[in-house]
Amino acid sequence: MPRIHPELLAEGYLPHEVTEVWFPAVDLADVDVEVTEAAQTKMDAIWCHTSQNGEANGNRDWMFEQRVAPYLIQAGERAGCRYAERFHRVPVR
């Protein structure tokens, strides 16, 4: 955002231009990303949103097993790994 932060240009930081955007997807997914090593970090982030975890009644393992893992496992089966996430890639010109 050179108009908002012109000082970054002076420091040598050039604007970044994206060539594609990835959206979380299931049916239209065309990219599978293995997240096996990051699954617990993902759960850490989800667990921080306490207002969204009411149905777990404080049971983190239940939340992972019932709400998070099934999606990761299903995507992982398609990708040939334990856990994965699926995205739809949209090119940007």
PDB file of N, CA and C in Angstrom:
ATOM      1  N   MET A   1       0.837  -1.179   0.000  1.00  0.00           N
ATOM      2  CA  MET A   1       0.000   0.000   0.000  1.00  0.00           C
ATOM      3  C   MET A   1       0.890   1.253   0.000  1.00  0.00           C
ATOM      4  N   PRO A   2       1.566   1.516  -1.116  1.00  0.00           N
ATOM      5  CA  PRO A   2       2.513   2.631  -1.145  1.00  0.00           C
ATOM      6  C   PRO A   2       1.886   3.993  -0.875  1.00  0.00           C
ATOM      7  N   ARG A   3       0.611   4.169  -1.176  1.00  0.00           N
ATOM      8  CA  ARG A   3      -0.015   5.475  -0.888  1.00  0.00           C
ATOM      9  C   ARG A   3      -0.289   5.645   0.603  1.00  0.00           C
ATOM     10  N   ILE A   4      -0.444   4.527   1.303  1.00  0.00           N
ATOM     11  CA  ILE A   4      -0.733   4.597   2.733  1.00  0.00           C
ATOM     12  C   ILE A   4       0.555   4.581   3.544  1.00  0.00           C
ATOM     13  N   HIS A   5       1.529   3.797   3.087  1.00  0.00           N
ATOM     14  CA  HIS A   5       2.800   3.673   3.800  1.00  0.00           C
ATOM     15  C   HIS A   5       3.976   3.982   2.878  1.00  0.00           C
ATOM     16  N   PRO A   6       4.114   5.226   2.434  1.00  0.00           N
ATOM     17  CA  PRO A   6       5.198   5.559   1.508  1.00  0.00           C
ATOM     18  C   PRO A   6       6.585   5.356   2.120  1.00  0.00           C
ATOM     19  N   GLU A   7       6.679   5.363   3.438  1.00  0.00           N
ATOM     20  CA  GLU A   7       7.973   5.172   4.085  1.00  0.00           C
ATOM     21  C   GLU A   7       8.551   3.783   3.807  1.00  0.00           C
ATOM     22  N   LEU A   8       7.689   2.809   3.527  1.00  0.00           N
ATOM     23  CA  LEU A   8       8.182   1.471   3.229  1.00  0.00           C
ATOM     24  C   LEU A   8       8.940   1.432   1.906  1.00  0.00           C
ATOM     25  N   LEU A   9       8.487   2.229   0.939  1.00  0.00           N
ATOM     26  CA  LEU A   9       9.219   2.316  -0.317  1.00  0.00           C
ATOM     27  C   LEU A   9      10.609   2.877  -0.080  1.00  0.00           C
ATOM     28  N   ALA A  10      10.682   3.884   0.767  1.00  0.00           N
ATOM     29  CA  ALA A  10      11.976   4.499   1.084  1.00  0.00           C
ATOM     30  C   ALA A  10      12.902   3.500   1.778  1.00  0.00           C
ATOM     31  N   GLU A  11      12.324   2.540   2.491  1.00  0.00           N
ATOM     32  CA  GLU A  11      13.125   1.509   3.173  1.00  0.00           C
ATOM     33  C   GLU A  11      13.461   0.339   2.249  1.00  0.00           C
ATOM     34  N   GLY A  12      13.003   0.411   1.001  1.00  0.00           N
ATOM     35  CA  GLY A  12      13.339  -0.618   0.034  1.00  0.00           C
ATOM     36  C   GLY A  12      12.306  -1.720  -0.130  1.00  0.00           C
ATOM     37  N   TYR A  13      11.142  -1.571   0.507  1.00  0.00           N
ATOM     38  CA  TYR A  13      10.097  -2.589   0.379  1.00  0.00           C
ATOM     39  C   TYR A  13       9.211  -2.256  -0.813  1.00  0.00           C
ATOM     40  N   LEU A  14       9.181  -3.157  -1.789  1.00  0.00           N
ATOM     41  CA  LEU A  14       8.362  -2.949  -2.971  1.00  0.00           C
ATOM     42  C   LEU A  14       6.976  -3.554  -2.760  1.00  0.00           C
ATOM     43  N   PRO A  15       5.959  -2.989  -3.430  1.00  0.00           N
ATOM     44  CA  PRO A  15       4.613  -3.555  -3.307  1.00  0.00           C
ATOM     45  C   PRO A  15       4.589  -5.006  -3.788  1.00  0.00           C
ATOM     46  N   HIS A  16       3.822  -5.814  -3.114  1.00  0.00           N
ATOM     47  CA  HIS A  16       3.671  -7.228  -3.479  1.00  0.00           C
ATOM     48  C   HIS A  16       2.437  -7.365  -4.357  1.00  0.00           C
ATOM     49  N   GLU A  17       2.562  -8.095  -5.434  1.00  0.00           N
ATOM     50  CA  GLU A  17       1.424  -8.353  -6.306  1.00  0.00           C
ATOM     51  C   GLU A  17       1.129  -9.845  -6.290  1.00  0.00           C
ATOM     52  N   VAL A  18      -0.086 -10.186  -5.955  1.00  0.00           N
ATOM     53  CA  VAL A  18      -0.465 -11.597  -5.912  1.00  0.00           C
ATOM     54  C   VAL A  18      -0.823 -12.081  -7.308  1.00  0.00           C
ATOM     55  N   THR A  19      -0.538 -13.344  -7.558  1.00  0.00           N
ATOM     56  CA  THR A  19      -0.882 -13.942  -8.845  1.00  0.00           C
ATOM     57  C   THR A  19      -2.056 -14.907  -8.734  1.00  0.00           C
ATOM     58  N   GLU A  20      -2.377 -15.290  -7.476  1.00  0.00           N
ATOM     59  CA  GLU A  20      -3.519 -16.171  -7.257  1.00  0.00           C
ATOM     60  C   GLU A  20      -3.983 -16.042  -5.806  1.00  0.00           C
ATOM     61  N   VAL A  21      -5.256 -16.357  -5.594  1.00  0.00           N
ATOM     62  CA  VAL A  21      -5.857 -16.353  -4.268  1.00  0.00           C
ATOM     63  C   VAL A  21      -6.440 -17.734  -4.033  1.00  0.00           C
ATOM     64  N   TRP A  22      -6.206 -18.287  -2.836  1.00  0.00           N
ATOM     65  CA  TRP A  22      -6.738 -19.602  -2.489  1.00  0.00           C
ATOM     66  C   TRP A  22      -7.883 -19.428  -1.504  1.00  0.00           C
ATOM     67  N   PHE A  23      -9.035 -20.000  -1.831  1.00  0.00           N
ATOM     68  CA  PHE A  23     -10.202 -19.968  -0.963  1.00  0.00           C
ATOM     69  C   PHE A  23     -10.437 -21.362  -0.385  1.00  0.00           C
ATOM     70  N   PRO A  24     -10.739 -21.463   0.915  1.00  0.00           N
ATOM     71  CA  PRO A  24     -11.096 -22.778   1.461  1.00  0.00           C
ATOM     72  C   PRO A  24     -12.268 -23.344   0.660  1.00  0.00           C
ATOM     73  N   ALA A  25     -12.186 -24.616   0.307  1.00  0.00           N
ATOM     74  CA  ALA A  25     -13.219 -25.195  -0.552  1.00  0.00           C
ATOM     75  C   ALA A  25     -13.335 -26.687  -0.305  1.00  0.00           C
ATOM     76  N   VAL A  26     -14.426 -27.237  -0.779  1.00  0.00           N
ATOM     77  CA  VAL A  26     -14.617 -28.677  -0.753  1.00  0.00           C
ATOM     78  C   VAL A  26     -14.942 -29.123  -2.178  1.00  0.00           C
ATOM     79  N   ASP A  27     -16.123 -28.756  -2.661  1.00  0.00           N
ATOM     80  CA  ASP A  27     -16.565 -29.217  -3.976  1.00  0.00           C
ATOM     81  C   ASP A  27     -15.725 -28.661  -5.121  1.00  0.00           C
ATOM     82  N   LEU A  28     -15.353 -27.401  -5.059  1.00  0.00           N
ATOM     83  CA  LEU A  28     -14.603 -26.780  -6.147  1.00  0.00           C
ATOM     84  C   LEU A  28     -13.095 -26.811  -5.924  1.00  0.00           C
ATOM     85  N   ALA A  29     -12.655 -27.547  -4.942  1.00  0.00           N
ATOM     86  CA  ALA A  29     -11.232 -27.561  -4.593  1.00  0.00           C
ATOM     87  C   ALA A  29     -10.393 -28.116  -5.741  1.00  0.00           C
ATOM     88  N   ASP A  30      -9.266 -27.440  -5.981  1.00  0.00           N
ATOM     89  CA  ASP A  30      -8.324 -27.925  -6.970  1.00  0.00           C
ATOM     90  C   ASP A  30      -6.893 -27.940  -6.426  1.00  0.00           C
ATOM     91  N   VAL A  31      -6.761 -27.673  -5.120  1.00  0.00           N
ATOM     92  CA  VAL A  31      -5.462 -27.713  -4.449  1.00  0.00           C
ATOM     93  C   VAL A  31      -5.634 -28.423  -3.110  1.00  0.00           C
ATOM     94  N   ASP A  32      -4.806 -29.428  -2.864  1.00  0.00           N
ATOM     95  CA  ASP A  32      -4.781 -30.118  -1.574  1.00  0.00           C
ATOM     96  C   ASP A  32      -3.435 -29.827  -0.925  1.00  0.00           C
ATOM     97  N   VAL A  33      -3.484 -29.425   0.354  1.00  0.00           N
ATOM     98  CA  VAL A  33      -2.259 -29.085   1.077  1.00  0.00           C
ATOM     99  C   VAL A  33      -2.173 -29.945   2.329  1.00  0.00           C
ATOM    100  N   GLU A  34      -1.078 -30.694   2.461  1.00  0.00           N
ATOM    101  CA  GLU A  34      -0.901 -31.503   3.668  1.00  0.00           C
ATOM    102  C   GLU A  34      -0.687 -30.585   4.863  1.00  0.00           C
ATOM    103  N   VAL A  35      -1.434 -30.842   5.943  1.00  0.00           N
ATOM    104  CA  VAL A  35      -1.314 -30.034   7.161  1.00  0.00           C
ATOM    105  C   VAL A  35      -1.076 -30.910   8.388  1.00  0.00           C
ATOM    106  N   THR A  36      -0.596 -32.142   8.161  1.00  0.00           N
ATOM    107  CA  THR A  36      -0.413 -33.080   9.263  1.00  0.00           C
ATOM    108  C   THR A  36       0.418 -32.481  10.392  1.00  0.00           C
ATOM    109  N   GLU A  37       1.547 -31.877  10.062  1.00  0.00           N
ATOM    110  CA  GLU A  37       2.419 -31.318  11.101  1.00  0.00           C
ATOM    111  C   GLU A  37       1.832 -30.067  11.754  1.00  0.00           C
ATOM    112  N   ALA A  38       0.889 -29.423  11.094  1.00  0.00           N
ATOM    113  CA  ALA A  38       0.313 -28.186  11.624  1.00  0.00           C
ATOM    114  C   ALA A  38      -1.066 -28.385  12.257  1.00  0.00           C
ATOM    115  N   ALA A  39      -1.558 -29.618  12.311  1.00  0.00           N
ATOM    116  CA  ALA A  39      -2.923 -29.858  12.793  1.00  0.00           C
ATOM    117  C   ALA A  39      -3.125 -29.372  14.229  1.00  0.00           C
ATOM    118  N   GLN A  40      -2.177 -29.623  15.101  1.00  0.00           N
ATOM    119  CA  GLN A  40      -2.352 -29.183  16.489  1.00  0.00           C
ATOM    120  C   GLN A  40      -2.202 -27.660  16.623  1.00  0.00           C
ATOM    121  N   THR A  41      -1.381 -27.059  15.788  1.00  0.00           N
ATOM    122  CA  THR A  41      -1.282 -25.594  15.783  1.00  0.00           C
ATOM    123  C   THR A  41      -2.602 -24.997  15.319  1.00  0.00           C
ATOM    124  N   LYS A  42      -3.215 -25.624  14.328  1.00  0.00           N
ATOM    125  CA  LYS A  42      -4.531 -25.192  13.862  1.00  0.00           C
ATOM    126  C   LYS A  42      -5.547 -25.297  15.002  1.00  0.00           C
ATOM    127  N   MET A  43      -5.491 -26.407  15.736  1.00  0.00           N
ATOM    128  CA  MET A  43      -6.407 -26.589  16.855  1.00  0.00           C
ATOM    129  C   MET A  43      -6.135 -25.551  17.942  1.00  0.00           C
ATOM    130  N   ASP A  44      -4.874 -25.218  18.190  1.00  0.00           N
ATOM    131  CA  ASP A  44      -4.540 -24.162  19.155  1.00  0.00           C
ATOM    132  C   ASP A  44      -5.242 -22.862  18.775  1.00  0.00           C
ATOM    133  N   ALA A  45      -5.182 -22.522  17.496  1.00  0.00           N
ATOM    134  CA  ALA A  45      -5.808 -21.282  17.026  1.00  0.00           C
ATOM    135  C   ALA A  45      -7.322 -21.338  17.170  1.00  0.00           C
ATOM    136  N   ILE A  46      -7.921 -22.463  16.815  1.00  0.00           N
ATOM    137  CA  ILE A  46      -9.378 -22.618  16.947  1.00  0.00           C
ATOM    138  C   ILE A  46      -9.780 -22.506  18.408  1.00  0.00           C
ATOM    139  N   TRP A  47      -9.017 -23.136  19.284  1.00  0.00           N
ATOM    140  CA  TRP A  47      -9.355 -23.166  20.703  1.00  0.00           C
ATOM    141  C   TRP A  47      -9.293 -21.776  21.336  1.00  0.00           C
ATOM    142  N   CYS A  48      -8.518 -20.868  20.760  1.00  0.00           N
ATOM    143  CA  CYS A  48      -8.435 -19.494  21.271  1.00  0.00           C
ATOM    144  C   CYS A  48      -9.760 -18.747  21.136  1.00  0.00           C
ATOM    145  N   HIS A  49     -10.603 -19.159  20.205  1.00  0.00           N
ATOM    146  CA  HIS A  49     -11.886 -18.495  19.972  1.00  0.00           C
ATOM    147  C   HIS A  49     -12.937 -19.111  20.898  1.00  0.00           C
ATOM    148  N   THR A  50     -12.855 -18.770  22.167  1.00  0.00           N
ATOM    149  CA  THR A  50     -13.707 -19.408  23.173  1.00  0.00           C
ATOM    150  C   THR A  50     -15.192 -19.232  22.885  1.00  0.00           C
ATOM    151  N   SER A  51     -15.581 -18.134  22.256  1.00  0.00           N
ATOM    152  CA  SER A  51     -17.002 -17.927  21.970  1.00  0.00           C
ATOM    153  C   SER A  51     -17.513 -18.928  20.931  1.00  0.00           C
ATOM    154  N   GLN A  52     -16.608 -19.579  20.202  1.00  0.00           N
ATOM    155  CA  GLN A  52     -17.008 -20.535  19.169  1.00  0.00           C
ATOM    156  C   GLN A  52     -16.923 -21.987  19.649  1.00  0.00           C
ATOM    157  N   ASN A  53     -16.495 -22.194  20.884  1.00  0.00           N
ATOM    158  CA  ASN A  53     -16.237 -23.544  21.372  1.00  0.00           C
ATOM    159  C   ASN A  53     -17.233 -24.025  22.425  1.00  0.00           C
ATOM    160  N   GLY A  54     -18.367 -23.374  22.533  1.00  0.00           N
ATOM    161  CA  GLY A  54     -19.339 -23.714  23.561  1.00  0.00           C
ATOM    162  C   GLY A  54     -19.805 -25.148  23.537  1.00  0.00           C
ATOM    163  N   GLU A  55     -20.030 -25.695  22.359  1.00  0.00           N
ATOM    164  CA  GLU A  55     -20.546 -27.065  22.275  1.00  0.00           C
ATOM    165  C   GLU A  55     -19.546 -28.095  22.778  1.00  0.00           C
ATOM    166  N   ALA A  56     -18.274 -27.721  22.878  1.00  0.00           N
ATOM    167  CA  ALA A  56     -17.247 -28.651  23.367  1.00  0.00           C
ATOM    168  C   ALA A  56     -17.235 -28.731  24.885  1.00  0.00           C
ATOM    169  N   ASN A  57     -17.899 -27.796  25.562  1.00  0.00           N
ATOM    170  CA  ASN A  57     -17.959 -27.788  27.024  1.00  0.00           C
ATOM    171  C   ASN A  57     -16.577 -27.919  27.660  1.00  0.00           C
ATOM    172  N   GLY A  58     -15.598 -27.218  27.085  1.00  0.00           N
ATOM    173  CA  GLY A  58     -14.251 -27.233  27.636  1.00  0.00           C
ATOM    174  C   GLY A  58     -13.420 -28.441  27.259  1.00  0.00           C
ATOM    175  N   ASN A  59     -13.949 -29.309  26.396  1.00  0.00           N
ATOM    176  CA  ASN A  59     -13.249 -30.527  26.019  1.00  0.00           C
ATOM    177  C   ASN A  59     -12.576 -30.345  24.656  1.00  0.00           C
ATOM    178  N   ARG A  60     -11.327 -29.960  24.694  1.00  0.00           N
ATOM    179  CA  ARG A  60     -10.560 -29.706  23.471  1.00  0.00           C
ATOM    180  C   ARG A  60     -10.472 -30.957  22.588  1.00  0.00           C
ATOM    181  N   ASP A  61     -10.244 -32.110  23.190  1.00  0.00           N
ATOM    182  CA  ASP A  61     -10.142 -33.345  22.410  1.00  0.00           C
ATOM    183  C   ASP A  61     -11.433 -33.628  21.659  1.00  0.00           C
ATOM    184  N   TRP A  62     -12.576 -33.404  22.315  1.00  0.00           N
ATOM    185  CA  TRP A  62     -13.865 -33.610  21.656  1.00  0.00           C
ATOM    186  C   TRP A  62     -13.979 -32.680  20.450  1.00  0.00           C
ATOM    187  N   MET A  63     -13.613 -31.417  20.651  1.00  0.00           N
ATOM    188  CA  MET A  63     -13.707 -30.440  19.561  1.00  0.00           C
ATOM    189  C   MET A  63     -12.870 -30.891  18.366  1.00  0.00           C
ATOM    190  N   PHE A  64     -11.645 -31.348  18.639  1.00  0.00           N
ATOM    191  CA  PHE A  64     -10.785 -31.788  17.538  1.00  0.00           C
ATOM    192  C   PHE A  64     -11.381 -33.017  16.852  1.00  0.00           C
ATOM    193  N   GLU A  65     -11.750 -34.015  17.631  1.00  0.00           N
ATOM    194  CA  GLU A  65     -12.233 -35.279  17.068  1.00  0.00           C
ATOM    195  C   GLU A  65     -13.564 -35.136  16.327  1.00  0.00           C
ATOM    196  N   GLN A  66     -14.449 -34.285  16.838  1.00  0.00           N
ATOM    197  CA  GLN A  66     -15.794 -34.180  16.272  1.00  0.00           C
ATOM    198  C   GLN A  66     -15.946 -33.081  15.227  1.00  0.00           C
ATOM    199  N   ARG A  67     -15.204 -31.997  15.355  1.00  0.00           N
ATOM    200  CA  ARG A  67     -15.432 -30.847  14.475  1.00  0.00           C
ATOM    201  C   ARG A  67     -14.269 -30.530  13.535  1.00  0.00           C
ATOM    202  N   VAL A  68     -13.050 -30.785  13.942  1.00  0.00           N
ATOM    203  CA  VAL A  68     -11.896 -30.383  13.132  1.00  0.00           C
ATOM    204  C   VAL A  68     -11.335 -31.568  12.342  1.00  0.00           C
ATOM    205  N   ALA A  69     -11.033 -32.648  13.022  1.00  0.00           N
ATOM    206  CA  ALA A  69     -10.364 -33.791  12.386  1.00  0.00           C
ATOM    207  C   ALA A  69     -11.137 -34.412  11.227  1.00  0.00           C
ATOM    208  N   PRO A  70     -12.467 -34.567  11.296  1.00  0.00           N
ATOM    209  CA  PRO A  70     -13.149 -35.235  10.181  1.00  0.00           C
ATOM    210  C   PRO A  70     -12.879 -34.571   8.823  1.00  0.00           C
ATOM    211  N   TYR A  71     -12.903 -33.249   8.787  1.00  0.00           N
ATOM    212  CA  TYR A  71     -12.624 -32.529   7.543  1.00  0.00           C
ATOM    213  C   TYR A  71     -11.176 -32.749   7.114  1.00  0.00           C
ATOM    214  N   LEU A  72     -10.251 -32.668   8.063  1.00  0.00           N
ATOM    215  CA  LEU A  72      -8.833 -32.846   7.747  1.00  0.00           C
ATOM    216  C   LEU A  72      -8.547 -34.264   7.264  1.00  0.00           C
ATOM    217  N   ILE A  73      -9.188 -35.248   7.882  1.00  0.00           N
ATOM    218  CA  ILE A  73      -8.994 -36.647   7.499  1.00  0.00           C
ATOM    219  C   ILE A  73      -9.536 -36.897   6.095  1.00  0.00           C
ATOM    220  N   GLN A  74     -10.734 -36.388   5.823  1.00  0.00           N
ATOM    221  CA  GLN A  74     -11.340 -36.580   4.500  1.00  0.00           C
ATOM    222  C   GLN A  74     -10.454 -35.968   3.415  1.00  0.00           C
ATOM    223  N   ALA A  75      -9.978 -34.760   3.650  1.00  0.00           N
ATOM    224  CA  ALA A  75      -9.091 -34.114   2.679  1.00  0.00           C
ATOM    225  C   ALA A  75      -7.773 -34.877   2.579  1.00  0.00           C
ATOM    226  N   GLY A  76      -7.284 -35.383   3.713  1.00  0.00           N
ATOM    227  CA  GLY A  76      -6.049 -36.145   3.720  1.00  0.00           C
ATOM    228  C   GLY A  76      -6.145 -37.424   2.905  1.00  0.00           C
ATOM    229  N   GLU A  77      -7.298 -38.073   2.956  1.00  0.00           N
ATOM    230  CA  GLU A  77      -7.492 -39.286   2.160  1.00  0.00           C
ATOM    231  C   GLU A  77      -7.361 -38.985   0.675  1.00  0.00           C
ATOM    232  N   ARG A  78      -7.881 -37.852   0.260  1.00  0.00           N
ATOM    233  CA  ARG A  78      -7.773 -37.453  -1.152  1.00  0.00           C
ATOM    234  C   ARG A  78      -6.340 -37.109  -1.521  1.00  0.00           C
ATOM    235  N   ALA A  79      -5.602 -36.524  -0.558  1.00  0.00           N
ATOM    236  CA  ALA A  79      -4.239 -36.064  -0.833  1.00  0.00           C
ATOM    237  C   ALA A  79      -3.183 -37.144  -0.560  1.00  0.00           C
ATOM    238  N   GLY A  80      -3.599 -38.252   0.046  1.00  0.00           N
ATOM    239  CA  GLY A  80      -2.649 -39.326   0.339  1.00  0.00           C
ATOM    240  C   GLY A  80      -1.797 -39.058   1.564  1.00  0.00           C
ATOM    241  N   CYS A  81      -2.381 -38.416   2.575  1.00  0.00           N
ATOM    242  CA  CYS A  81      -1.661 -38.127   3.821  1.00  0.00           C
ATOM    243  C   CYS A  81      -2.646 -38.204   4.978  1.00  0.00           C
ATOM    244  N   ARG A  82      -2.169 -37.970   6.186  1.00  0.00           N
ATOM    245  CA  ARG A  82      -3.050 -38.068   7.352  1.00  0.00           C
ATOM    246  C   ARG A  82      -4.065 -36.925   7.398  1.00  0.00           C
ATOM    247  N   TYR A  83      -3.579 -35.692   7.353  1.00  0.00           N
ATOM    248  CA  TYR A  83      -4.452 -34.517   7.406  1.00  0.00           C
ATOM    249  C   TYR A  83      -4.113 -33.568   6.256  1.00  0.00           C
ATOM    250  N   ALA A  84      -5.153 -32.999   5.643  1.00  0.00           N
ATOM    251  CA  ALA A  84      -4.953 -32.008   4.587  1.00  0.00           C
ATOM    252  C   ALA A  84      -6.092 -31.007   4.626  1.00  0.00           C
ATOM    253  N   GLU A  85      -5.895 -29.922   3.913  1.00  0.00           N
ATOM    254  CA  GLU A  85      -6.952 -28.942   3.700  1.00  0.00           C
ATOM    255  C   GLU A  85      -7.075 -28.726   2.209  1.00  0.00           C
ATOM    256  N   ARG A  86      -8.286 -28.381   1.780  1.00  0.00           N
ATOM    257  CA  ARG A  86      -8.571 -28.213   0.360  1.00  0.00           C
ATOM    258  C   ARG A  86      -8.899 -26.758   0.050  1.00  0.00           C
ATOM    259  N   PHE A  87      -8.426 -26.319  -1.116  1.00  0.00           N
ATOM    260  CA  PHE A  87      -8.618 -24.931  -1.535  1.00  0.00           C
ATOM    261  C   PHE A  87      -9.007 -24.875  -3.009  1.00  0.00           C
ATOM    262  N   HIS A  88      -9.661 -23.778  -3.367  1.00  0.00           N
ATOM    263  CA  HIS A  88      -9.946 -23.473  -4.766  1.00  0.00           C
ATOM    264  C   HIS A  88      -9.048 -22.303  -5.150  1.00  0.00           C
ATOM    265  N   ARG A  89      -8.233 -22.508  -6.160  1.00  0.00           N
ATOM    266  CA  ARG A  89      -7.263 -21.502  -6.599  1.00  0.00           C
ATOM    267  C   ARG A  89      -7.893 -20.626  -7.684  1.00  0.00           C
ATOM    268  N   VAL A  90      -7.782 -19.301  -7.481  1.00  0.00           N
ATOM    269  CA  VAL A  90      -8.304 -18.347  -8.453  1.00  0.00           C
ATOM    270  C   VAL A  90      -7.155 -17.454  -8.921  1.00  0.00           C
ATOM    271  N   PRO A  91      -6.810 -17.525 -10.209  1.00  0.00           N
ATOM    272  CA  PRO A  91      -5.739 -16.661 -10.723  1.00  0.00           C
ATOM    273  C   PRO A  91      -6.155 -15.193 -10.668  1.00  0.00           C
ATOM    274  N   VAL A  92      -5.195 -14.327 -10.420  1.00  0.00           N
ATOM    275  CA  VAL A  92      -5.421 -12.888 -10.401  1.00  0.00           C
ATOM    276  C   VAL A  92      -4.499 -12.273 -11.439  1.00  0.00           C
ATOM    277  N   ARG A  93      -5.017 -11.445 -12.278  1.00  0.00           N
ATOM    278  CA  ARG A  93      -4.203 -10.821 -13.318  1.00  0.00           C
ATOM    279  C   ARG A  93      -3.693  -9.486 -12.873  1.00  0.00           C
TER     280      ARG A  93
END
